[in-house]
Amino acid sequence: MENAEILKPVVVLAGWTMLMWLWMYATRLPAVGKLPKDGAPGADVGWTGAKLDAILPGSAQWKAHNYNHLHEAPTVFYAVAIVLAMIGQGGGANASIAWVYVGLRIAHSLWQSLVNKVAGRFLLFTLSSLALMALVLHAILAVF
């Protein structure tokens, strides 16, 4: 299906999101397990995300933050990619742009999860956003 090529990067990004979920729990659960237990000095039964950020090592939280990020802008990608596939515009340049988007999102995940320097994250996010904007523009032009 030539015009459905864009669905390949869609399922790759969905699969990557599930890998990030696994990585998040593989990193975060051991860190949470080291926290004081209920009733022990320093224990807090009302842990929230903000409190966990304050008491867990950053490297344990970075994966969780990225997992959340994979449910933000990529939702627009999923929608626009499916629209492009449905209207017969999911091949060629649009499929290539979708692969660029997915590659940049995976690079963003790795950067945030391993290095987490803001300048690098911002660059990867900006480049992926430009790719997403191109897909949205192509969908707008095709639909209207």
N, C-alpha and C. Protein backbone atom coordinates (compact mmCIF):
# COMPACT_ATOMS: atom_id res chain seq x y z
N MET A 1 0.84 -1.19 0.00
CA MET A 1 0.00 0.00 0.00
C MET A 1 0.88 1.24 0.00
N GLU A 2 1.09 1.79 -1.17
CA GLU A 2 1.99 2.91 -1.35
C GLU A 2 1.61 4.12 -0.49
N ASN A 3 0.35 4.46 -0.43
CA ASN A 3 -0.08 5.64 0.32
C ASN A 3 -0.23 5.38 1.81
N ALA A 4 0.00 4.16 2.23
CA ALA A 4 -0.06 3.84 3.65
C ALA A 4 1.34 3.70 4.26
N GLU A 5 2.38 4.06 3.49
CA GLU A 5 3.76 3.98 4.00
C GLU A 5 3.92 4.79 5.29
N ILE A 6 3.14 5.83 5.43
CA ILE A 6 3.24 6.70 6.60
C ILE A 6 2.83 5.96 7.88
N LEU A 7 2.12 4.85 7.73
CA LEU A 7 1.71 4.09 8.92
C LEU A 7 2.88 3.36 9.57
N LYS A 8 3.94 3.09 8.80
CA LYS A 8 5.11 2.42 9.38
C LYS A 8 5.76 3.27 10.48
N PRO A 9 6.07 4.55 10.21
CA PRO A 9 6.61 5.35 11.32
C PRO A 9 5.62 5.52 12.47
N VAL A 10 4.33 5.49 12.18
CA VAL A 10 3.32 5.58 13.24
C VAL A 10 3.49 4.41 14.21
N VAL A 11 3.56 3.20 13.68
CA VAL A 11 3.67 2.04 14.58
C VAL A 11 5.04 1.96 15.23
N VAL A 12 6.08 2.47 14.56
CA VAL A 12 7.41 2.50 15.19
C VAL A 12 7.39 3.43 16.40
N LEU A 13 6.78 4.60 16.27
CA LEU A 13 6.72 5.52 17.40
C LEU A 13 5.85 4.96 18.52
N ALA A 14 4.76 4.29 18.18
CA ALA A 14 3.94 3.66 19.21
C ALA A 14 4.74 2.57 19.93
N GLY A 15 5.49 1.78 19.17
CA GLY A 15 6.34 0.76 19.78
C GLY A 15 7.42 1.37 20.65
N TRP A 16 8.03 2.47 20.19
CA TRP A 16 9.05 3.16 20.99
C TRP A 16 8.44 3.66 22.31
N THR A 17 7.23 4.16 22.25
CA THR A 17 6.56 4.63 23.46
C THR A 17 6.42 3.50 24.48
N MET A 18 6.11 2.30 24.00
CA MET A 18 6.00 1.15 24.91
C MET A 18 7.36 0.75 25.47
N LEU A 19 8.42 0.87 24.65
CA LEU A 19 9.77 0.61 25.16
C LEU A 19 10.15 1.62 26.24
N MET A 20 9.77 2.87 26.03
CA MET A 20 10.04 3.89 27.06
C MET A 20 9.27 3.59 28.34
N TRP A 21 8.06 3.04 28.21
CA TRP A 21 7.29 2.64 29.39
C TRP A 21 8.06 1.57 30.16
N LEU A 22 8.58 0.59 29.46
CA LEU A 22 9.35 -0.48 30.12
C LEU A 22 10.61 0.09 30.77
N TRP A 23 11.33 0.95 30.07
CA TRP A 23 12.55 1.55 30.59
C TRP A 23 12.24 2.41 31.81
N MET A 24 11.13 3.14 31.75
CA MET A 24 10.72 3.98 32.87
C MET A 24 10.53 3.13 34.13
N TYR A 25 9.78 2.03 34.01
CA TYR A 25 9.53 1.21 35.18
C TYR A 25 10.75 0.43 35.61
N ALA A 26 11.57 0.02 34.69
CA ALA A 26 12.80 -0.69 35.05
C ALA A 26 13.75 0.21 35.83
N THR A 27 13.67 1.51 35.61
CA THR A 27 14.53 2.47 36.30
C THR A 27 13.86 3.03 37.55
N ARG A 28 12.60 3.32 37.45
CA ARG A 28 11.90 4.03 38.52
C ARG A 28 11.52 3.12 39.69
N LEU A 29 11.07 1.91 39.42
CA LEU A 29 10.65 1.03 40.52
C LEU A 29 11.78 0.73 41.50
N PRO A 30 13.00 0.42 41.04
CA PRO A 30 14.08 0.22 42.01
C PRO A 30 14.37 1.49 42.82
N ALA A 31 14.26 2.67 42.18
CA ALA A 31 14.50 3.92 42.91
C ALA A 31 13.43 4.14 43.96
N VAL A 32 12.17 3.89 43.61
CA VAL A 32 11.08 4.04 44.58
C VAL A 32 11.23 3.02 45.70
N GLY A 33 11.70 1.83 45.37
CA GLY A 33 11.90 0.79 46.38
C GLY A 33 12.92 1.17 47.44
N LYS A 34 13.80 2.10 47.13
CA LYS A 34 14.82 2.55 48.09
C LYS A 34 14.33 3.66 49.01
N LEU A 35 13.12 4.17 48.74
CA LEU A 35 12.58 5.24 49.58
C LEU A 35 12.17 4.68 50.93
N PRO A 36 12.12 5.54 51.97
CA PRO A 36 11.67 5.07 53.28
C PRO A 36 10.26 4.51 53.22
N LYS A 37 10.03 3.42 53.94
CA LYS A 37 8.72 2.77 53.97
C LYS A 37 7.78 3.51 54.91
N ASP A 38 6.47 3.31 54.73
CA ASP A 38 5.49 3.94 55.59
C ASP A 38 5.84 3.72 57.05
N GLY A 39 5.76 4.77 57.84
CA GLY A 39 6.05 4.69 59.26
C GLY A 39 7.51 4.92 59.59
N ALA A 40 8.39 4.80 58.62
CA ALA A 40 9.82 5.03 58.86
C ALA A 40 10.09 6.53 58.80
N PRO A 41 11.15 6.98 59.48
CA PRO A 41 11.51 8.40 59.39
C PRO A 41 11.75 8.81 57.94
N GLY A 42 11.16 9.92 57.54
CA GLY A 42 11.32 10.42 56.18
C GLY A 42 10.32 9.87 55.20
N ALA A 43 9.46 8.96 55.65
CA ALA A 43 8.46 8.38 54.74
C ALA A 43 7.36 9.39 54.50
N ASP A 44 6.79 9.31 53.34
CA ASP A 44 5.69 10.20 52.98
C ASP A 44 4.68 9.37 52.19
N VAL A 45 3.53 9.13 52.79
CA VAL A 45 2.53 8.30 52.11
C VAL A 45 1.81 9.08 51.02
N GLY A 46 1.98 10.40 50.98
CA GLY A 46 1.29 11.22 49.98
C GLY A 46 2.19 11.64 48.84
N TRP A 47 3.02 10.73 48.35
CA TRP A 47 3.93 11.09 47.26
C TRP A 47 3.15 11.52 46.03
N THR A 48 3.57 12.63 45.46
CA THR A 48 3.01 13.10 44.19
C THR A 48 4.17 13.21 43.20
N GLY A 49 3.87 13.49 41.95
CA GLY A 49 4.92 13.63 40.96
C GLY A 49 5.95 14.66 41.36
N ALA A 50 5.51 15.80 41.88
CA ALA A 50 6.45 16.85 42.28
C ALA A 50 7.32 16.39 43.44
N LYS A 51 6.72 15.67 44.38
CA LYS A 51 7.51 15.17 45.51
C LYS A 51 8.51 14.12 45.05
N LEU A 52 8.09 13.26 44.12
CA LEU A 52 9.01 12.26 43.60
C LEU A 52 10.17 12.92 42.87
N ASP A 53 9.91 13.99 42.14
CA ASP A 53 10.99 14.72 41.48
C ASP A 53 12.01 15.23 42.49
N ALA A 54 11.53 15.60 43.67
CA ALA A 54 12.43 16.15 44.69
C ALA A 54 13.23 15.06 45.40
N ILE A 55 12.72 13.83 45.46
CA ILE A 55 13.41 12.81 46.27
C ILE A 55 14.04 11.68 45.46
N LEU A 56 13.62 11.48 44.22
CA LEU A 56 14.24 10.44 43.40
C LEU A 56 15.38 11.05 42.59
N PRO A 57 16.37 10.24 42.26
CA PRO A 57 17.44 10.75 41.40
C PRO A 57 16.87 11.21 40.06
N GLY A 58 17.44 12.28 39.52
CA GLY A 58 16.96 12.80 38.25
C GLY A 58 16.97 11.75 37.15
N SER A 59 18.02 10.94 37.12
CA SER A 59 18.11 9.94 36.06
C SER A 59 16.98 8.93 36.11
N ALA A 60 16.39 8.73 37.29
CA ALA A 60 15.23 7.83 37.40
C ALA A 60 13.96 8.52 36.93
N GLN A 61 13.91 9.84 37.08
CA GLN A 61 12.72 10.58 36.68
C GLN A 61 12.72 10.98 35.20
N TRP A 62 13.90 11.09 34.59
CA TRP A 62 13.98 11.54 33.21
C TRP A 62 13.19 10.64 32.27
N LYS A 63 13.23 9.35 32.51
CA LYS A 63 12.49 8.42 31.65
C LYS A 63 10.99 8.63 31.79
N ALA A 64 10.54 8.87 33.03
CA ALA A 64 9.12 9.12 33.27
C ALA A 64 8.68 10.41 32.60
N HIS A 65 9.51 11.44 32.67
CA HIS A 65 9.18 12.71 32.02
C HIS A 65 9.08 12.50 30.51
N ASN A 66 10.01 11.74 29.95
CA ASN A 66 9.97 11.52 28.51
C ASN A 66 8.76 10.70 28.11
N TYR A 67 8.42 9.70 28.90
CA TYR A 67 7.23 8.91 28.60
C TYR A 67 6.00 9.82 28.53
N ASN A 68 5.91 10.76 29.45
CA ASN A 68 4.81 11.73 29.40
C ASN A 68 4.88 12.59 28.14
N HIS A 69 6.09 12.99 27.75
CA HIS A 69 6.24 13.82 26.55
C HIS A 69 5.81 13.06 25.30
N LEU A 70 5.96 11.74 25.30
CA LEU A 70 5.55 10.95 24.14
C LEU A 70 4.02 10.85 24.01
N HIS A 71 3.31 11.44 24.97
CA HIS A 71 1.85 11.49 24.88
C HIS A 71 1.35 12.91 24.64
N GLU A 72 2.25 13.78 24.28
CA GLU A 72 1.87 15.17 24.02
C GLU A 72 1.89 15.44 22.51
N ALA A 73 2.94 16.05 21.97
CA ALA A 73 2.99 16.37 20.53
C ALA A 73 2.80 15.15 19.63
N PRO A 74 3.32 13.98 19.99
CA PRO A 74 3.10 12.83 19.09
C PRO A 74 1.63 12.48 18.86
N THR A 75 0.74 12.90 19.72
CA THR A 75 -0.68 12.62 19.46
C THR A 75 -1.14 13.35 18.21
N VAL A 76 -0.60 14.53 17.97
CA VAL A 76 -0.91 15.26 16.74
C VAL A 76 -0.33 14.49 15.55
N PHE A 77 0.88 13.97 15.71
CA PHE A 77 1.50 13.18 14.64
C PHE A 77 0.63 11.98 14.28
N TYR A 78 0.17 11.25 15.29
CA TYR A 78 -0.66 10.07 15.00
C TYR A 78 -1.90 10.48 14.20
N ALA A 79 -2.56 11.53 14.62
CA ALA A 79 -3.79 11.96 13.95
C ALA A 79 -3.52 12.40 12.52
N VAL A 80 -2.52 13.24 12.31
CA VAL A 80 -2.28 13.76 10.97
C VAL A 80 -1.75 12.67 10.05
N ALA A 81 -0.96 11.74 10.57
CA ALA A 81 -0.45 10.64 9.74
C ALA A 81 -1.59 9.74 9.28
N ILE A 82 -2.53 9.48 10.17
CA ILE A 82 -3.68 8.64 9.80
C ILE A 82 -4.54 9.37 8.78
N VAL A 83 -4.73 10.67 8.95
CA VAL A 83 -5.49 11.44 7.96
C VAL A 83 -4.80 11.37 6.60
N LEU A 84 -3.49 11.57 6.57
CA LEU A 84 -2.77 11.53 5.31
C LEU A 84 -2.88 10.15 4.65
N ALA A 85 -2.81 9.10 5.44
CA ALA A 85 -2.96 7.75 4.88
C ALA A 85 -4.36 7.56 4.33
N MET A 86 -5.37 8.04 5.04
CA MET A 86 -6.76 7.86 4.62
C MET A 86 -7.09 8.59 3.33
N ILE A 87 -6.45 9.73 3.10
CA ILE A 87 -6.77 10.51 1.90
C ILE A 87 -5.80 10.21 0.76
N GLY A 88 -4.98 9.18 0.93
CA GLY A 88 -4.07 8.77 -0.14
C GLY A 88 -2.83 9.61 -0.27
N GLN A 89 -2.45 10.31 0.81
CA GLN A 89 -1.27 11.18 0.80
C GLN A 89 -0.19 10.68 1.76
N GLY A 90 -0.21 9.38 2.07
CA GLY A 90 0.72 8.85 3.07
C GLY A 90 2.01 8.29 2.53
N GLY A 91 2.29 8.51 1.27
CA GLY A 91 3.54 8.02 0.69
C GLY A 91 4.50 9.15 0.41
N GLY A 92 5.54 8.86 -0.35
CA GLY A 92 6.48 9.87 -0.83
C GLY A 92 7.05 10.77 0.25
N ALA A 93 6.97 12.08 -0.01
CA ALA A 93 7.56 13.06 0.89
C ALA A 93 6.94 13.00 2.28
N ASN A 94 5.63 12.78 2.36
CA ASN A 94 4.99 12.73 3.68
C ASN A 94 5.50 11.55 4.51
N ALA A 95 5.69 10.41 3.88
CA ALA A 95 6.25 9.26 4.61
C ALA A 95 7.67 9.57 5.05
N SER A 96 8.45 10.22 4.18
CA SER A 96 9.83 10.58 4.54
C SER A 96 9.85 11.55 5.72
N ILE A 97 9.00 12.56 5.67
CA ILE A 97 8.93 13.52 6.78
C ILE A 97 8.50 12.81 8.07
N ALA A 98 7.58 11.87 7.96
CA ALA A 98 7.15 11.12 9.15
C ALA A 98 8.31 10.34 9.74
N TRP A 99 9.13 9.71 8.90
CA TRP A 99 10.31 9.00 9.41
C TRP A 99 11.28 9.96 10.09
N VAL A 100 11.46 11.14 9.51
CA VAL A 100 12.32 12.15 10.14
C VAL A 100 11.76 12.51 11.51
N TYR A 101 10.46 12.73 11.57
CA TYR A 101 9.82 13.07 12.84
C TYR A 101 10.07 11.98 13.88
N VAL A 102 9.83 10.74 13.50
CA VAL A 102 9.99 9.62 14.45
C VAL A 102 11.46 9.50 14.87
N GLY A 103 12.38 9.62 13.93
CA GLY A 103 13.79 9.57 14.28
C GLY A 103 14.18 10.65 15.28
N LEU A 104 13.68 11.86 15.05
CA LEU A 104 13.97 12.96 15.97
C LEU A 104 13.33 12.74 17.34
N ARG A 105 12.13 12.17 17.38
CA ARG A 105 11.48 11.90 18.67
C ARG A 105 12.24 10.82 19.44
N ILE A 106 12.73 9.80 18.74
CA ILE A 106 13.52 8.77 19.41
C ILE A 106 14.83 9.37 19.91
N ALA A 107 15.48 10.19 19.09
CA ALA A 107 16.70 10.87 19.53
C ALA A 107 16.42 11.75 20.75
N HIS A 108 15.27 12.44 20.74
CA HIS A 108 14.88 13.27 21.87
C HIS A 108 14.71 12.41 23.12
N SER A 109 14.07 11.26 22.97
CA SER A 109 13.88 10.35 24.12
C SER A 109 15.23 9.92 24.69
N LEU A 110 16.12 9.50 23.82
CA LEU A 110 17.43 9.04 24.28
C LEU A 110 18.22 10.17 24.94
N TRP A 111 18.18 11.35 24.33
CA TRP A 111 18.88 12.50 24.89
C TRP A 111 18.31 12.84 26.27
N GLN A 112 17.00 12.93 26.37
CA GLN A 112 16.39 13.29 27.65
C GLN A 112 16.63 12.22 28.70
N SER A 113 16.60 10.97 28.32
CA SER A 113 16.73 9.87 29.28
C SER A 113 18.16 9.62 29.73
N LEU A 114 19.12 9.98 28.89
CA LEU A 114 20.52 9.67 29.21
C LEU A 114 21.36 10.89 29.56
N VAL A 115 21.11 12.02 28.92
CA VAL A 115 21.94 13.21 29.08
C VAL A 115 21.15 14.33 29.74
N ASN A 116 19.99 14.61 29.20
CA ASN A 116 19.03 15.60 29.70
C ASN A 116 19.59 17.01 29.81
N LYS A 117 20.37 17.41 28.84
CA LYS A 117 20.80 18.81 28.76
C LYS A 117 19.77 19.55 27.92
N VAL A 118 19.29 20.68 28.44
CA VAL A 118 18.16 21.38 27.84
C VAL A 118 18.44 21.83 26.41
N ALA A 119 19.63 22.32 26.13
CA ALA A 119 19.92 22.83 24.78
C ALA A 119 19.74 21.73 23.73
N GLY A 120 20.23 20.56 24.00
CA GLY A 120 20.08 19.44 23.06
C GLY A 120 18.63 19.02 22.93
N ARG A 121 17.93 18.95 24.05
CA ARG A 121 16.50 18.60 24.02
C ARG A 121 15.72 19.62 23.21
N PHE A 122 16.02 20.90 23.42
CA PHE A 122 15.31 21.97 22.71
C PHE A 122 15.53 21.87 21.21
N LEU A 123 16.77 21.62 20.80
CA LEU A 123 17.07 21.49 19.38
C LEU A 123 16.30 20.32 18.76
N LEU A 124 16.34 19.16 19.41
CA LEU A 124 15.63 17.99 18.89
C LEU A 124 14.12 18.21 18.87
N PHE A 125 13.60 18.84 19.92
CA PHE A 125 12.17 19.13 19.97
C PHE A 125 11.77 20.10 18.86
N THR A 126 12.59 21.14 18.65
CA THR A 126 12.28 22.13 17.62
C THR A 126 12.30 21.51 16.24
N LEU A 127 13.32 20.70 15.95
CA LEU A 127 13.40 20.06 14.64
C LEU A 127 12.22 19.11 14.42
N SER A 128 11.87 18.35 15.46
CA SER A 128 10.73 17.43 15.30
C SER A 128 9.44 18.22 15.14
N SER A 129 9.32 19.34 15.82
CA SER A 129 8.12 20.17 15.68
C SER A 129 8.00 20.73 14.27
N LEU A 130 9.12 21.11 13.66
CA LEU A 130 9.09 21.61 12.29
C LEU A 130 8.64 20.51 11.33
N ALA A 131 9.11 19.29 11.54
CA ALA A 131 8.67 18.17 10.71
C ALA A 131 7.16 17.95 10.88
N LEU A 132 6.70 18.00 12.12
CA LEU A 132 5.27 17.83 12.39
C LEU A 132 4.45 18.94 11.74
N MET A 133 4.95 20.16 11.82
CA MET A 133 4.25 21.28 11.19
C MET A 133 4.15 21.07 9.68
N ALA A 134 5.19 20.54 9.06
CA ALA A 134 5.15 20.27 7.62
C ALA A 134 4.07 19.24 7.30
N LEU A 135 3.96 18.18 8.11
CA LEU A 135 2.92 17.19 7.88
C LEU A 135 1.53 17.79 8.05
N VAL A 136 1.37 18.61 9.07
CA VAL A 136 0.06 19.25 9.30
C VAL A 136 -0.28 20.16 8.11
N LEU A 137 0.69 20.93 7.65
CA LEU A 137 0.46 21.82 6.50
C LEU A 137 0.06 21.00 5.27
N HIS A 138 0.76 19.89 5.02
CA HIS A 138 0.42 19.04 3.88
C HIS A 138 -0.99 18.49 4.00
N ALA A 139 -1.38 18.13 5.22
CA ALA A 139 -2.75 17.62 5.43
C ALA A 139 -3.78 18.72 5.19
N ILE A 140 -3.49 19.91 5.68
CA ILE A 140 -4.42 21.03 5.48
C ILE A 140 -4.60 21.30 3.98
N LEU A 141 -3.48 21.36 3.27
CA LEU A 141 -3.55 21.63 1.83
C LEU A 141 -4.29 20.53 1.08
N ALA A 142 -4.12 19.29 1.51
CA ALA A 142 -4.79 18.17 0.83
C ALA A 142 -6.27 18.10 1.15
N VAL A 143 -6.64 18.42 2.36
CA VAL A 143 -8.03 18.28 2.79
C VAL A 143 -8.87 19.47 2.30
N PHE A 144 -8.27 20.65 2.31
CA PHE A 144 -9.03 21.84 1.91
C PHE A 144 -8.70 22.23 0.48
